[in-house]
Amino acid sequence: MGYEGILFDLFGTLVPPFPMDAHREAIGACARHLGIDEAACHREWGETYGARSRGGFASIAENLGVVAQNTGSTASPESLSEAEAIYHRFTRASLMPAAGAIETLQWLRAAGFRLGLVTNCAIDVPLLWPESPLSEYFSCCAFSCRVGVPKPAAAIYQYALAALDLRPEETLYVGDGSDGELSGAARCRLRPVLLRVDLSNAYDAAREDVENWAGPSIDDLGGLRELLR
């Protein structure tokens, strides 16, 4: 059947996979700036991931303040603002388009597809998203921290479908298999496509959706053109 729309994952799909080494450096820099033990800061940052991805913090500074409290430290508003700026630099760098992303999105939009973004993220991503050259191509962005629920919950896919006035059967979902997103999309009756990427620098290199995937897959975003033809 013909497709009318495509929902995209962000990290590992439109931008490179979330970079573990650069992220650890950024968190370490924040910890040093705040006077927090680096190992404890990394641990508490991981512990607050669930709340962060559901919009539990109004800012990265607020999240870092909770991390500081949980490690028995006190951080001034000024130091938290400066640490937030450090983390925002990391996020900006992480939102650079992956190879072929812009060209693929241009082709899809010219072909008349409705395009949406569905991503698990903290509040820094929607805050900085307008600065990304990718942002202009999307009519709907379902950020988990704004929707209040992360993938693979059905609600986040349904939010994007409703915003784009799409039926799941006429919609592709393209992602690198993080967070059980392909299985979640399939349960919502979307047509998931795996984008195979190098996960050697990812926190979650072992992914069930990738290891057990038997559906359609592409090796780069340009492969969508052939798939849709």
C-alpha atoms as a PDB file:
ATOM      1  CA  MET A   1       0.000   0.000   0.000  1.00  0.00           C
ATOM      2  CA  GLY A   2       1.069   3.604  -0.403  1.00  0.00           C
ATOM      3  CA  TYR A   3       2.389   5.588   2.529  1.00  0.00           C
ATOM      4  CA  GLU A   4       1.340   9.088   3.460  1.00  0.00           C
ATOM      5  CA  GLY A   5       3.674   9.835   6.351  1.00  0.00           C
ATOM      6  CA  ILE A   6       6.879   8.882   8.107  1.00  0.00           C
ATOM      7  CA  LEU A   7       7.744   9.160  11.781  1.00  0.00           C
ATOM      8  CA  PHE A   8      11.452   9.356  12.581  1.00  0.00           C
ATOM      9  CA  ASP A   9      13.473   8.616  15.667  1.00  0.00           C
ATOM     10  CA  LEU A  10      16.104  11.276  16.439  1.00  0.00           C
ATOM     11  CA  PHE A  11      19.310   9.902  17.993  1.00  0.00           C
ATOM     12  CA  GLY A  12      20.905   7.229  15.829  1.00  0.00           C
ATOM     13  CA  THR A  13      18.547   8.068  12.970  1.00  0.00           C
ATOM     14  CA  LEU A  14      18.433  11.737  11.979  1.00  0.00           C
ATOM     15  CA  VAL A  15      21.520  12.504  14.054  1.00  0.00           C
ATOM     16  CA  PRO A  16      24.343  10.126  15.025  1.00  0.00           C
ATOM     17  CA  PRO A  17      23.764   7.713  17.930  1.00  0.00           C
ATOM     18  CA  PHE A  18      23.803   9.343  21.365  1.00  0.00           C
ATOM     19  CA  PRO A  19      27.585   9.463  21.996  1.00  0.00           C
ATOM     20  CA  MET A  20      28.547   7.758  25.234  1.00  0.00           C
ATOM     21  CA  ASP A  21      32.112   9.081  25.380  1.00  0.00           C
ATOM     22  CA  ALA A  22      31.218  12.735  24.702  1.00  0.00           C
ATOM     23  CA  HIS A  23      28.271  12.503  27.103  1.00  0.00           C
ATOM     24  CA  ARG A  24      30.436  11.130  29.898  1.00  0.00           C
ATOM     25  CA  GLU A  25      32.880  13.969  29.309  1.00  0.00           C
ATOM     26  CA  ALA A  26      30.066  16.513  29.505  1.00  0.00           C
ATOM     27  CA  ILE A  27      28.681  15.072  32.741  1.00  0.00           C
ATOM     28  CA  GLY A  28      32.200  14.942  34.167  1.00  0.00           C
ATOM     29  CA  ALA A  29      32.725  18.597  33.277  1.00  0.00           C
ATOM     30  CA  CYS A  30      29.435  19.506  34.961  1.00  0.00           C
ATOM     31  CA  ALA A  31      30.447  17.548  38.065  1.00  0.00           C
ATOM     32  CA  ARG A  32      33.816  19.268  38.312  1.00  0.00           C
ATOM     33  CA  HIS A  33      32.202  22.657  37.850  1.00  0.00           C
ATOM     34  CA  LEU A  34      29.692  21.929  40.621  1.00  0.00           C
ATOM     35  CA  GLY A  35      32.235  20.348  42.940  1.00  0.00           C
ATOM     36  CA  ILE A  36      30.522  16.949  42.817  1.00  0.00           C
ATOM     37  CA  ASP A  37      32.279  13.595  42.776  1.00  0.00           C
ATOM     38  CA  GLU A  38      32.265  12.568  39.107  1.00  0.00           C
ATOM     39  CA  ALA A  39      31.316   8.918  39.663  1.00  0.00           C
ATOM     40  CA  ALA A  40      28.445   9.953  41.933  1.00  0.00           C
ATOM     41  CA  CYS A  41      27.297  12.538  39.396  1.00  0.00           C
ATOM     42  CA  HIS A  42      27.224   9.953  36.610  1.00  0.00           C
ATOM     43  CA  ARG A  43      25.301   7.545  38.838  1.00  0.00           C
ATOM     44  CA  GLU A  44      22.693  10.089  39.888  1.00  0.00           C
ATOM     45  CA  TRP A  45      22.315  11.390  36.347  1.00  0.00           C
ATOM     46  CA  GLY A  46      21.457   7.859  35.272  1.00  0.00           C
ATOM     47  CA  GLU A  47      19.045   7.461  38.199  1.00  0.00           C
ATOM     48  CA  THR A  48      17.109  10.558  37.133  1.00  0.00           C
ATOM     49  CA  TYR A  49      16.768   9.456  33.494  1.00  0.00           C
ATOM     50  CA  GLY A  50      13.180   8.267  33.876  1.00  0.00           C
ATOM     51  CA  ALA A  51      11.989  11.532  35.353  1.00  0.00           C
ATOM     52  CA  ARG A  52      14.051  13.513  32.834  1.00  0.00           C
ATOM     53  CA  SER A  53      12.568  11.727  29.808  1.00  0.00           C
ATOM     54  CA  ARG A  54       9.022  12.258  31.124  1.00  0.00           C
ATOM     55  CA  GLY A  55       9.459  15.993  31.629  1.00  0.00           C
ATOM     56  CA  GLY A  56      10.026  15.847  35.362  1.00  0.00           C
ATOM     57  CA  PHE A  57      12.531  18.717  35.253  1.00  0.00           C
ATOM     58  CA  ALA A  58      11.875  22.157  33.841  1.00  0.00           C
ATOM     59  CA  SER A  59      15.535  22.571  32.883  1.00  0.00           C
ATOM     60  CA  ILE A  60      18.882  20.807  32.887  1.00  0.00           C
ATOM     61  CA  ALA A  61      19.910  23.148  35.702  1.00  0.00           C
ATOM     62  CA  GLU A  62      17.030  21.854  37.842  1.00  0.00           C
ATOM     63  CA  ASN A  63      18.025  18.266  37.061  1.00  0.00           C
ATOM     64  CA  LEU A  64      21.645  18.979  38.023  1.00  0.00           C
ATOM     65  CA  GLY A  65      20.433  20.587  41.234  1.00  0.00           C
ATOM     66  CA  VAL A  66      18.661  17.369  42.184  1.00  0.00           C
ATOM     67  CA  VAL A  67      21.777  15.392  41.270  1.00  0.00           C
ATOM     68  CA  ALA A  68      23.839  17.658  43.542  1.00  0.00           C
ATOM     69  CA  GLN A  69      21.372  17.221  46.412  1.00  0.00           C
ATOM     70  CA  ASN A  70      21.371  13.457  45.990  1.00  0.00           C
ATOM     71  CA  THR A  71      25.159  13.430  46.319  1.00  0.00           C
ATOM     72  CA  GLY A  72      25.027  15.539  49.480  1.00  0.00           C
ATOM     73  CA  SER A  73      26.206  18.715  47.776  1.00  0.00           C
ATOM     74  CA  THR A  74      24.785  22.210  47.473  1.00  0.00           C
ATOM     75  CA  ALA A  75      25.102  24.123  44.210  1.00  0.00           C
ATOM     76  CA  SER A  76      24.457  27.825  43.775  1.00  0.00           C
ATOM     77  CA  PRO A  77      22.051  29.054  41.064  1.00  0.00           C
ATOM     78  CA  GLU A  78      25.010  30.622  39.269  1.00  0.00           C
ATOM     79  CA  SER A  79      27.050  27.414  39.203  1.00  0.00           C
ATOM     80  CA  LEU A  80      24.010  25.424  38.042  1.00  0.00           C
ATOM     81  CA  SER A  81      23.425  27.880  35.207  1.00  0.00           C
ATOM     82  CA  GLU A  82      27.048  27.591  34.136  1.00  0.00           C
ATOM     83  CA  ALA A  83      26.946  23.776  34.324  1.00  0.00           C
ATOM     84  CA  GLU A  84      23.749  23.811  32.278  1.00  0.00           C
ATOM     85  CA  ALA A  85      25.574  25.813  29.606  1.00  0.00           C
ATOM     86  CA  ILE A  86      28.246  23.091  29.513  1.00  0.00           C
ATOM     87  CA  TYR A  87      25.592  20.441  28.974  1.00  0.00           C
ATOM     88  CA  HIS A  88      23.815  22.517  26.327  1.00  0.00           C
ATOM     89  CA  ARG A  89      27.037  22.678  24.313  1.00  0.00           C
ATOM     90  CA  PHE A  90      27.075  18.890  24.302  1.00  0.00           C
ATOM     91  CA  THR A  91      23.446  18.760  23.164  1.00  0.00           C
ATOM     92  CA  ARG A  92      23.991  21.251  20.344  1.00  0.00           C
ATOM     93  CA  ALA A  93      26.877  19.155  19.036  1.00  0.00           C
ATOM     94  CA  SER A  94      24.740  16.013  19.292  1.00  0.00           C
ATOM     95  CA  LEU A  95      21.976  17.490  17.129  1.00  0.00           C
ATOM     96  CA  MET A  96      24.089  17.835  14.003  1.00  0.00           C
ATOM     97  CA  PRO A  97      22.402  15.955  11.113  1.00  0.00           C
ATOM     98  CA  ALA A  98      23.582  12.489  10.213  1.00  0.00           C
ATOM     99  CA  ALA A  99      25.008  11.883   6.747  1.00  0.00           C
ATOM    100  CA  GLY A 100      22.266  12.113   4.145  1.00  0.00           C
ATOM    101  CA  ALA A 101      19.597  13.282   6.590  1.00  0.00           C
ATOM    102  CA  ILE A 102      18.916  16.680   5.037  1.00  0.00           C
ATOM    103  CA  GLU A 103      18.912  15.347   1.490  1.00  0.00           C
ATOM    104  CA  THR A 104      16.505  12.553   2.433  1.00  0.00           C
ATOM    105  CA  LEU A 105      14.135  14.903   4.235  1.00  0.00           C
ATOM    106  CA  GLN A 106      14.151  17.302   1.289  1.00  0.00           C
ATOM    107  CA  TRP A 107      13.260  14.460  -1.065  1.00  0.00           C
ATOM    108  CA  LEU A 108      10.497  13.179   1.212  1.00  0.00           C
ATOM    109  CA  ARG A 109       8.929  16.592   1.670  1.00  0.00           C
ATOM    110  CA  ALA A 110       9.061  17.287  -2.059  1.00  0.00           C
ATOM    111  CA  ALA A 111       7.333  13.941  -2.609  1.00  0.00           C
ATOM    112  CA  GLY A 112       4.493  15.053  -0.335  1.00  0.00           C
ATOM    113  CA  PHE A 113       5.091  12.909   2.747  1.00  0.00           C
ATOM    114  CA  ARG A 114       3.961  14.204   6.138  1.00  0.00           C
ATOM    115  CA  LEU A 115       6.951  14.029   8.490  1.00  0.00           C
ATOM    116  CA  GLY A 116       7.014  13.671  12.248  1.00  0.00           C
ATOM    117  CA  LEU A 117       9.644  13.229  14.944  1.00  0.00           C
ATOM    118  CA  VAL A 118       9.197  10.847  17.894  1.00  0.00           C
ATOM    119  CA  THR A 119      12.043  10.879  20.391  1.00  0.00           C
ATOM    120  CA  ASN A 120      12.873  10.085  23.991  1.00  0.00           C
ATOM    121  CA  CYS A 121      14.714  13.072  25.398  1.00  0.00           C
ATOM    122  CA  ALA A 122      15.099  15.649  28.145  1.00  0.00           C
ATOM    123  CA  ILE A 123      13.991  19.255  28.018  1.00  0.00           C
ATOM    124  CA  ASP A 124      17.269  20.462  26.475  1.00  0.00           C
ATOM    125  CA  VAL A 125      16.406  18.835  23.139  1.00  0.00           C
ATOM    126  CA  PRO A 126      13.147  20.706  22.392  1.00  0.00           C
ATOM    127  CA  LEU A 127      14.761  23.856  23.753  1.00  0.00           C
ATOM    128  CA  LEU A 128      17.649  23.646  21.272  1.00  0.00           C
ATOM    129  CA  TRP A 129      15.801  21.882  18.449  1.00  0.00           C
ATOM    130  CA  PRO A 130      14.876  25.127  16.614  1.00  0.00           C
ATOM    131  CA  GLU A 131      18.606  25.741  16.112  1.00  0.00           C
ATOM    132  CA  SER A 132      18.999  22.453  14.221  1.00  0.00           C
ATOM    133  CA  PRO A 133      18.816  22.517  10.420  1.00  0.00           C
ATOM    134  CA  LEU A 134      16.575  19.450  10.733  1.00  0.00           C
ATOM    135  CA  SER A 135      13.766  21.270  12.494  1.00  0.00           C
ATOM    136  CA  GLU A 136      12.214  22.939   9.448  1.00  0.00           C
ATOM    137  CA  TYR A 137      11.207  19.609   7.901  1.00  0.00           C
ATOM    138  CA  PHE A 138       8.837  18.447  10.641  1.00  0.00           C
ATOM    139  CA  SER A 139       5.209  19.362  11.122  1.00  0.00           C
ATOM    140  CA  CYS A 140       5.037  17.508  14.441  1.00  0.00           C
ATOM    141  CA  CYS A 141       7.676  16.771  17.061  1.00  0.00           C
ATOM    142  CA  ALA A 142       6.693  14.347  19.824  1.00  0.00           C
ATOM    143  CA  PHE A 143       9.358  14.924  22.476  1.00  0.00           C
ATOM    144  CA  SER A 144       8.850  12.490  25.354  1.00  0.00           C
ATOM    145  CA  CYS A 145       9.576  15.201  27.920  1.00  0.00           C
ATOM    146  CA  ARG A 146       6.770  17.310  26.441  1.00  0.00           C
ATOM    147  CA  VAL A 147       4.288  14.503  25.749  1.00  0.00           C
ATOM    148  CA  GLY A 148       4.962  13.084  29.212  1.00  0.00           C
ATOM    149  CA  VAL A 149       5.562   9.500  28.111  1.00  0.00           C
ATOM    150  CA  PRO A 150       8.535   7.849  26.346  1.00  0.00           C
ATOM    151  CA  LYS A 151       8.741   5.171  23.693  1.00  0.00           C
ATOM    152  CA  PRO A 152       7.738   2.394  23.423  1.00  0.00           C
ATOM    153  CA  ALA A 153       4.450   3.488  25.052  1.00  0.00           C
ATOM    154  CA  ALA A 154       1.640   3.759  22.531  1.00  0.00           C
ATOM    155  CA  ALA A 155       0.660   7.287  23.580  1.00  0.00           C
ATOM    156  CA  ILE A 156       3.717   8.973  22.058  1.00  0.00           C
ATOM    157  CA  TYR A 157       3.204   7.370  18.635  1.00  0.00           C
ATOM    158  CA  GLN A 158      -0.516   8.151  18.779  1.00  0.00           C
ATOM    159  CA  TYR A 159       0.247  11.768  19.643  1.00  0.00           C
ATOM    160  CA  ALA A 160       2.297  12.160  16.447  1.00  0.00           C
ATOM    161  CA  LEU A 161      -0.224  10.311  14.287  1.00  0.00           C
ATOM    162  CA  ALA A 162      -3.065  12.508  15.514  1.00  0.00           C
ATOM    163  CA  ALA A 163      -1.061  15.698  14.985  1.00  0.00           C
ATOM    164  CA  LEU A 164      -0.302  14.707  11.387  1.00  0.00           C
ATOM    165  CA  ASP A 165      -3.778  13.276  10.716  1.00  0.00           C
ATOM    166  CA  LEU A 166      -2.273   9.926   9.743  1.00  0.00           C
ATOM    167  CA  ARG A 167      -3.535   6.380  10.094  1.00  0.00           C
ATOM    168  CA  PRO A 168      -0.926   3.932  11.433  1.00  0.00           C
ATOM    169  CA  GLU A 169      -1.297   1.631   8.429  1.00  0.00           C
ATOM    170  CA  GLU A 170      -0.195   4.421   6.087  1.00  0.00           C
ATOM    171  CA  THR A 171       2.777   5.477   8.202  1.00  0.00           C
ATOM    172  CA  LEU A 172       6.371   4.251   8.339  1.00  0.00           C
ATOM    173  CA  TYR A 173       8.360   4.466  11.544  1.00  0.00           C
ATOM    174  CA  VAL A 174      12.143   4.698  11.041  1.00  0.00           C
ATOM    175  CA  GLY A 175      14.579   4.195  13.911  1.00  0.00           C
ATOM    176  CA  ASP A 176      17.759   2.520  15.092  1.00  0.00           C
ATOM    177  CA  GLY A 177      15.958   0.198  17.497  1.00  0.00           C
ATOM    178  CA  SER A 178      16.628   1.991  20.776  1.00  0.00           C
ATOM    179  CA  ASP A 179      14.179   1.737  23.683  1.00  0.00           C
ATOM    180  CA  GLY A 180      12.123  -0.999  22.012  1.00  0.00           C
ATOM    181  CA  GLU A 181      10.835   1.627  19.590  1.00  0.00           C
ATOM    182  CA  LEU A 182      10.321  -0.675  16.602  1.00  0.00           C
ATOM    183  CA  SER A 183       8.296  -3.194  18.589  1.00  0.00           C
ATOM    184  CA  GLY A 184       6.316  -0.329  20.088  1.00  0.00           C
ATOM    185  CA  ALA A 185       5.593   1.076  16.638  1.00  0.00           C
ATOM    186  CA  ALA A 186       4.498  -2.347  15.373  1.00  0.00           C
ATOM    187  CA  ARG A 187       2.099  -2.760  18.302  1.00  0.00           C
ATOM    188  CA  CYS A 188       0.520   0.537  17.207  1.00  0.00           C
ATOM    189  CA  ARG A 189       0.179  -0.914  13.674  1.00  0.00           C
ATOM    190  CA  LEU A 190       2.755   1.406  12.126  1.00  0.00           C
ATOM    191  CA  ARG A 191       5.202  -0.054   9.597  1.00  0.00           C
ATOM    192  CA  PRO A 192       8.609  -0.020  11.330  1.00  0.00           C
ATOM    193  CA  VAL A 193      11.922   0.115   9.469  1.00  0.00           C
ATOM    194  CA  LEU A 194      15.262  -0.499  11.172  1.00  0.00           C
ATOM    195  CA  LEU A 195      18.122   1.845  10.343  1.00  0.00           C
ATOM    196  CA  ARG A 196      21.275  -0.141  11.064  1.00  0.00           C
ATOM    197  CA  VAL A 197      24.008   2.015  12.627  1.00  0.00           C
ATOM    198  CA  ASP A 198      27.282   1.552  14.484  1.00  0.00           C
ATOM    199  CA  LEU A 199      26.396   1.176  18.185  1.00  0.00           C
ATOM    200  CA  SER A 200      29.930   0.713  19.517  1.00  0.00           C
ATOM    201  CA  ASN A 201      29.802   4.105  21.271  1.00  0.00           C
ATOM    202  CA  ALA A 202      26.231   3.768  22.582  1.00  0.00           C
ATOM    203  CA  TYR A 203      25.164   3.203  26.173  1.00  0.00           C
ATOM    204  CA  ASP A 204      22.704   0.534  25.009  1.00  0.00           C
ATOM    205  CA  ALA A 205      24.663  -1.351  22.372  1.00  0.00           C
ATOM    206  CA  ALA A 206      22.683  -4.552  23.042  1.00  0.00           C
ATOM    207  CA  ARG A 207      19.183  -3.982  21.677  1.00  0.00           C
ATOM    208  CA  GLU A 208      16.573  -6.686  21.388  1.00  0.00           C
ATOM    209  CA  ASP A 209      14.795  -4.871  18.557  1.00  0.00           C
ATOM    210  CA  VAL A 210      18.039  -4.901  16.565  1.00  0.00           C
ATOM    211  CA  GLU A 211      19.238  -8.391  17.424  1.00  0.00           C
ATOM    212  CA  ASN A 212      15.875 -10.027  16.684  1.00  0.00           C
ATOM    213  CA  TRP A 213      14.734  -7.798  13.823  1.00  0.00           C
ATOM    214  CA  ALA A 214      13.206  -9.640  10.859  1.00  0.00           C
ATOM    215  CA  GLY A 215      11.422  -6.707   9.215  1.00  0.00           C
ATOM    216  CA  PRO A 216      12.631  -4.253   6.591  1.00  0.00           C
ATOM    217  CA  SER A 217      15.927  -2.515   7.255  1.00  0.00           C
ATOM    218  CA  ILE A 218      18.161   0.066   5.612  1.00  0.00           C
ATOM    219  CA  ASP A 219      21.862   0.810   6.014  1.00  0.00           C
ATOM    220  CA  ASP A 220      21.532   4.575   5.553  1.00  0.00           C
ATOM    221  CA  LEU A 221      18.752   7.129   5.236  1.00  0.00           C
ATOM    222  CA  GLY A 222      19.142   7.201   1.475  1.00  0.00           C
ATOM    223  CA  GLY A 223      17.785   3.656   1.489  1.00  0.00           C
ATOM    224  CA  LEU A 224      14.337   5.059   2.220  1.00  0.00           C
ATOM    225  CA  ARG A 225      14.006   6.202  -1.381  1.00  0.00           C
ATOM    226  CA  GLU A 226      14.377   2.686  -2.742  1.00  0.00           C
ATOM    227  CA  LEU A 227      12.124   1.287  -0.032  1.00  0.00           C
ATOM    228  CA  LEU A 228       9.356   3.755  -0.860  1.00  0.00           C
ATOM    229  CA  ARG A 229       9.632   3.147  -4.585  1.00  0.00           C
END
